[in-house]
Amino acid sequence: MSTLACRRAVNPLQETWHIYFGDVRVGVIGERAGIPIHADQGARSVGFYPGMEPKAHRRGIAGSFAAAREAFEATWAELLPTIPDGAFAEWRHDRDSRARGGARSFKSRSAAETRFEVVARRQAAQYQRPLARPVHLRVGVRSLSLQ
């Protein structure tokens, strides 16, 4: 049976940790953002989708990061036995199908062309199109004609 593993999130402004059970991200422990310093600073979220119903997810706050971690472990210990047998497999299937879908949409393009280049080329073409009809602006006594 897998154990919980923690990986630090890429956020230099907040201490946030993603919690994994095997290869499935099952929750987050971190500092709360945008709250006064005298309020509880730790937060936890336990659950994953698809696989678990959103109403089965558990969230909470704690006085500190360490207290949030302890609360996460207690919540996970009581939640794990209630997770259906195929929940983790369902999450993995969804992850894999999303990865295949993203790769399929760009197969026809050259390998060197990135998504950024595709978007930039489309935007450049959009702004280089000629106007559908001439635009005449009347400014004071003179009139301008844009072609």
C-alpha atoms as a PDB file:
ATOM      1  CA  MET A   1       0.000   0.000   0.000  1.00  0.00           C
ATOM      2  CA  SER A   2       1.266   3.460  -0.861  1.00  0.00           C
ATOM      3  CA  THR A   3       2.066   6.079   1.711  1.00  0.00           C
ATOM      4  CA  LEU A   4       1.533   9.816   1.514  1.00  0.00           C
ATOM      5  CA  ALA A   5       4.260  11.874  -0.132  1.00  0.00           C
ATOM      6  CA  CYS A   6       4.648  15.659  -0.120  1.00  0.00           C
ATOM      7  CA  ARG A   7       5.916  17.888  -2.917  1.00  0.00           C
ATOM      8  CA  ARG A   8       6.426  21.624  -2.546  1.00  0.00           C
ATOM      9  CA  ALA A   9       4.285  23.697  -4.917  1.00  0.00           C
ATOM     10  CA  VAL A  10       6.016  26.220  -7.161  1.00  0.00           C
ATOM     11  CA  ASN A  11       4.869  29.331  -5.310  1.00  0.00           C
ATOM     12  CA  PRO A  12       7.597  31.496  -3.787  1.00  0.00           C
ATOM     13  CA  LEU A  13       5.109  33.700  -1.941  1.00  0.00           C
ATOM     14  CA  GLN A  14       3.336  30.966   0.028  1.00  0.00           C
ATOM     15  CA  GLU A  15       4.291  27.694   1.608  1.00  0.00           C
ATOM     16  CA  THR A  16       2.066  25.169  -0.132  1.00  0.00           C
ATOM     17  CA  TRP A  17       2.520  21.405  -0.309  1.00  0.00           C
ATOM     18  CA  HIS A  18       0.735  18.975  -2.630  1.00  0.00           C
ATOM     19  CA  ILE A  19       0.059  15.607  -1.013  1.00  0.00           C
ATOM     20  CA  TYR A  20       0.236  12.454  -3.161  1.00  0.00           C
ATOM     21  CA  PHE A  21      -0.978   8.919  -2.520  1.00  0.00           C
ATOM     22  CA  GLY A  22       1.114   6.984  -5.015  1.00  0.00           C
ATOM     23  CA  ASP A  23       0.809   9.090  -8.164  1.00  0.00           C
ATOM     24  CA  VAL A  24      -2.604  10.618  -7.335  1.00  0.00           C
ATOM     25  CA  ARG A  25      -2.710  14.101  -5.806  1.00  0.00           C
ATOM     26  CA  VAL A  26      -5.117  13.692  -2.916  1.00  0.00           C
ATOM     27  CA  GLY A  27      -4.836  17.053  -1.204  1.00  0.00           C
ATOM     28  CA  VAL A  28      -3.076  20.271  -0.335  1.00  0.00           C
ATOM     29  CA  ILE A  29      -1.660  21.747   2.866  1.00  0.00           C
ATOM     30  CA  GLY A  30      -0.638  25.367   2.893  1.00  0.00           C
ATOM     31  CA  GLU A  31      -0.773  28.881   4.209  1.00  0.00           C
ATOM     32  CA  ARG A  32      -3.957  30.822   3.664  1.00  0.00           C
ATOM     33  CA  ALA A  33      -3.685  33.946   1.530  1.00  0.00           C
ATOM     34  CA  GLY A  34      -5.251  37.351   2.037  1.00  0.00           C
ATOM     35  CA  ILE A  35      -6.170  37.052   5.689  1.00  0.00           C
ATOM     36  CA  PRO A  36      -5.101  39.106   8.729  1.00  0.00           C
ATOM     37  CA  ILE A  37      -2.044  37.860  10.608  1.00  0.00           C
ATOM     38  CA  HIS A  38      -4.049  37.242  13.790  1.00  0.00           C
ATOM     39  CA  ALA A  39      -6.353  34.755  11.991  1.00  0.00           C
ATOM     40  CA  ASP A  40      -5.643  31.035  11.568  1.00  0.00           C
ATOM     41  CA  GLN A  41      -2.892  30.679   8.951  1.00  0.00           C
ATOM     42  CA  GLY A  42      -2.950  26.973   8.025  1.00  0.00           C
ATOM     43  CA  ALA A  43      -5.364  25.314   5.586  1.00  0.00           C
ATOM     44  CA  ARG A  44      -5.934  21.809   4.287  1.00  0.00           C
ATOM     45  CA  SER A  45      -7.956  20.241   1.515  1.00  0.00           C
ATOM     46  CA  VAL A  46      -8.414  16.479   1.177  1.00  0.00           C
ATOM     47  CA  GLY A  47      -9.946  14.845  -1.883  1.00  0.00           C
ATOM     48  CA  PHE A  48      -9.501  14.346  -5.633  1.00  0.00           C
ATOM     49  CA  TYR A  49     -11.718  14.369  -8.694  1.00  0.00           C
ATOM     50  CA  PRO A  50     -12.626  12.345 -10.701  1.00  0.00           C
ATOM     51  CA  GLY A  51     -12.781   9.339  -8.475  1.00  0.00           C
ATOM     52  CA  MET A  52     -14.359  10.903  -5.412  1.00  0.00           C
ATOM     53  CA  GLU A  53     -17.554  12.861  -5.389  1.00  0.00           C
ATOM     54  CA  PRO A  54     -16.943  16.568  -4.647  1.00  0.00           C
ATOM     55  CA  LYS A  55     -19.240  16.406  -1.597  1.00  0.00           C
ATOM     56  CA  ALA A  56     -16.866  13.828  -0.065  1.00  0.00           C
ATOM     57  CA  HIS A  57     -13.932  16.277  -0.102  1.00  0.00           C
ATOM     58  CA  ARG A  58     -12.896  17.705   3.262  1.00  0.00           C
ATOM     59  CA  ARG A  59     -11.490  21.166   3.930  1.00  0.00           C
ATOM     60  CA  GLY A  60     -10.495  23.018   7.044  1.00  0.00           C
ATOM     61  CA  ILE A  61      -8.320  25.647   8.662  1.00  0.00           C
ATOM     62  CA  ALA A  62      -5.861  25.428  11.522  1.00  0.00           C
ATOM     63  CA  GLY A  63      -3.830  27.775  13.685  1.00  0.00           C
ATOM     64  CA  SER A  64      -0.533  26.887  12.025  1.00  0.00           C
ATOM     65  CA  PHE A  65       0.957  24.925   9.167  1.00  0.00           C
ATOM     66  CA  ALA A  66       1.970  22.106  11.532  1.00  0.00           C
ATOM     67  CA  ALA A  67      -1.558  21.873  12.936  1.00  0.00           C
ATOM     68  CA  ALA A  68      -2.963  21.777   9.375  1.00  0.00           C
ATOM     69  CA  ARG A  69      -0.611  18.887   8.573  1.00  0.00           C
ATOM     70  CA  GLU A  70      -1.739  16.919  11.627  1.00  0.00           C
ATOM     71  CA  ALA A  71      -5.396  17.578  10.772  1.00  0.00           C
ATOM     72  CA  PHE A  72      -4.761  16.449   7.172  1.00  0.00           C
ATOM     73  CA  GLU A  73      -3.269  13.161   8.348  1.00  0.00           C
ATOM     74  CA  ALA A  74      -6.223  12.532  10.691  1.00  0.00           C
ATOM     75  CA  THR A  75      -8.751  13.400   7.974  1.00  0.00           C
ATOM     76  CA  TRP A  76      -6.992  11.177   5.427  1.00  0.00           C
ATOM     77  CA  ALA A  77      -6.930   8.253   7.885  1.00  0.00           C
ATOM     78  CA  GLU A  78     -10.719   8.435   8.283  1.00  0.00           C
ATOM     79  CA  LEU A  79     -11.419   9.185   4.597  1.00  0.00           C
ATOM     80  CA  LEU A  80      -9.213   6.493   3.006  1.00  0.00           C
ATOM     81  CA  PRO A  81     -11.397   3.503   4.008  1.00  0.00           C
ATOM     82  CA  THR A  82     -14.459   5.186   2.456  1.00  0.00           C
ATOM     83  CA  ILE A  83     -12.879   5.755  -0.985  1.00  0.00           C
ATOM     84  CA  PRO A  84     -14.316   3.331  -3.586  1.00  0.00           C
ATOM     85  CA  ASP A  85     -12.044   0.628  -5.014  1.00  0.00           C
ATOM     86  CA  GLY A  86     -11.837   2.090  -8.530  1.00  0.00           C
ATOM     87  CA  ALA A  87     -11.445   5.747  -7.544  1.00  0.00           C
ATOM     88  CA  PHE A  88      -7.680   5.909  -8.044  1.00  0.00           C
ATOM     89  CA  ALA A  89      -7.898   4.014 -11.344  1.00  0.00           C
ATOM     90  CA  GLU A  90     -10.607   6.435 -12.522  1.00  0.00           C
ATOM     91  CA  TRP A  91      -8.379   9.419 -11.706  1.00  0.00           C
ATOM     92  CA  ARG A  92      -5.423   7.851 -13.547  1.00  0.00           C
ATOM     93  CA  HIS A  93      -7.587   7.057 -16.581  1.00  0.00           C
ATOM     94  CA  ASP A  94      -8.789  10.680 -16.713  1.00  0.00           C
ATOM     95  CA  ARG A  95      -5.209  11.981 -16.403  1.00  0.00           C
ATOM     96  CA  ASP A  96      -3.978   9.699 -19.193  1.00  0.00           C
ATOM     97  CA  SER A  97      -6.869  10.507 -21.534  1.00  0.00           C
ATOM     98  CA  ARG A  98      -6.267  14.249 -21.057  1.00  0.00           C
ATOM     99  CA  ALA A  99      -2.585  13.767 -21.877  1.00  0.00           C
ATOM    100  CA  ARG A 100      -3.430  11.859 -25.070  1.00  0.00           C
ATOM    101  CA  GLY A 101      -6.019  14.452 -26.094  1.00  0.00           C
ATOM    102  CA  GLY A 102      -3.535  17.310 -25.858  1.00  0.00           C
ATOM    103  CA  ALA A 103      -0.979  15.430 -27.928  1.00  0.00           C
ATOM    104  CA  ARG A 104      -3.521  14.545 -30.642  1.00  0.00           C
ATOM    105  CA  SER A 105      -4.523  18.140 -31.309  1.00  0.00           C
ATOM    106  CA  PHE A 106      -0.983  19.145 -32.313  1.00  0.00           C
ATOM    107  CA  LYS A 107       0.146  16.005 -34.195  1.00  0.00           C
ATOM    108  CA  SER A 108      -0.358  17.548 -37.650  1.00  0.00           C
ATOM    109  CA  ARG A 109       1.946  20.462 -36.901  1.00  0.00           C
ATOM    110  CA  SER A 110       5.695  20.303 -37.159  1.00  0.00           C
ATOM    111  CA  ALA A 111       7.576  19.279 -34.042  1.00  0.00           C
ATOM    112  CA  ALA A 112       9.432  22.585 -33.929  1.00  0.00           C
ATOM    113  CA  GLU A 113       6.254  24.653 -33.849  1.00  0.00           C
ATOM    114  CA  THR A 114       5.130  25.270 -30.294  1.00  0.00           C
ATOM    115  CA  ARG A 115       1.708  26.269 -29.091  1.00  0.00           C
ATOM    116  CA  PHE A 116       2.973  29.809 -28.515  1.00  0.00           C
ATOM    117  CA  GLU A 117       4.132  30.066 -32.120  1.00  0.00           C
ATOM    118  CA  VAL A 118       0.738  28.870 -33.378  1.00  0.00           C
ATOM    119  CA  VAL A 119      -1.113  31.500 -31.336  1.00  0.00           C
ATOM    120  CA  ALA A 120       1.319  34.252 -32.345  1.00  0.00           C
ATOM    121  CA  ARG A 121       0.965  33.369 -36.039  1.00  0.00           C
ATOM    122  CA  ARG A 122      -2.850  33.407 -35.814  1.00  0.00           C
ATOM    123  CA  GLN A 123      -2.876  36.776 -34.065  1.00  0.00           C
ATOM    124  CA  ALA A 124      -0.494  38.287 -36.602  1.00  0.00           C
ATOM    125  CA  ALA A 125      -2.650  37.051 -39.477  1.00  0.00           C
ATOM    126  CA  GLN A 126      -5.744  38.483 -37.816  1.00  0.00           C
ATOM    127  CA  TYR A 127      -4.290  41.990 -37.652  1.00  0.00           C
ATOM    128  CA  GLN A 128      -2.849  41.915 -41.187  1.00  0.00           C
ATOM    129  CA  ARG A 129      -6.190  41.272 -42.895  1.00  0.00           C
ATOM    130  CA  PRO A 130      -7.427  44.113 -45.075  1.00  0.00           C
ATOM    131  CA  LEU A 131     -10.586  45.882 -43.986  1.00  0.00           C
ATOM    132  CA  ALA A 132     -13.757  44.506 -45.512  1.00  0.00           C
ATOM    133  CA  ARG A 133     -14.839  47.934 -46.754  1.00  0.00           C
ATOM    134  CA  PRO A 134     -13.183  51.336 -46.829  1.00  0.00           C
ATOM    135  CA  VAL A 135     -13.695  53.406 -43.708  1.00  0.00           C
ATOM    136  CA  HIS A 136     -14.333  57.157 -44.130  1.00  0.00           C
ATOM    137  CA  LEU A 137     -13.807  59.374 -41.120  1.00  0.00           C
ATOM    138  CA  ARG A 138     -14.938  62.967 -41.080  1.00  0.00           C
ATOM    139  CA  VAL A 139     -12.624  65.077 -38.917  1.00  0.00           C
ATOM    140  CA  GLY A 140     -13.494  68.784 -38.839  1.00  0.00           C
ATOM    141  CA  VAL A 141     -13.600  70.094 -42.388  1.00  0.00           C
ATOM    142  CA  ARG A 142     -11.376  67.416 -43.897  1.00  0.00           C
ATOM    143  CA  SER A 143     -12.355  63.818 -44.463  1.00  0.00           C
ATOM    144  CA  LEU A 144      -9.944  60.918 -44.216  1.00  0.00           C
ATOM    145  CA  SER A 145     -10.181  57.764 -46.231  1.00  0.00           C
ATOM    146  CA  LEU A 146      -8.570  54.616 -44.881  1.00  0.00           C
ATOM    147  CA  GLN A 147      -7.999  51.799 -47.311  1.00  0.00           C
END
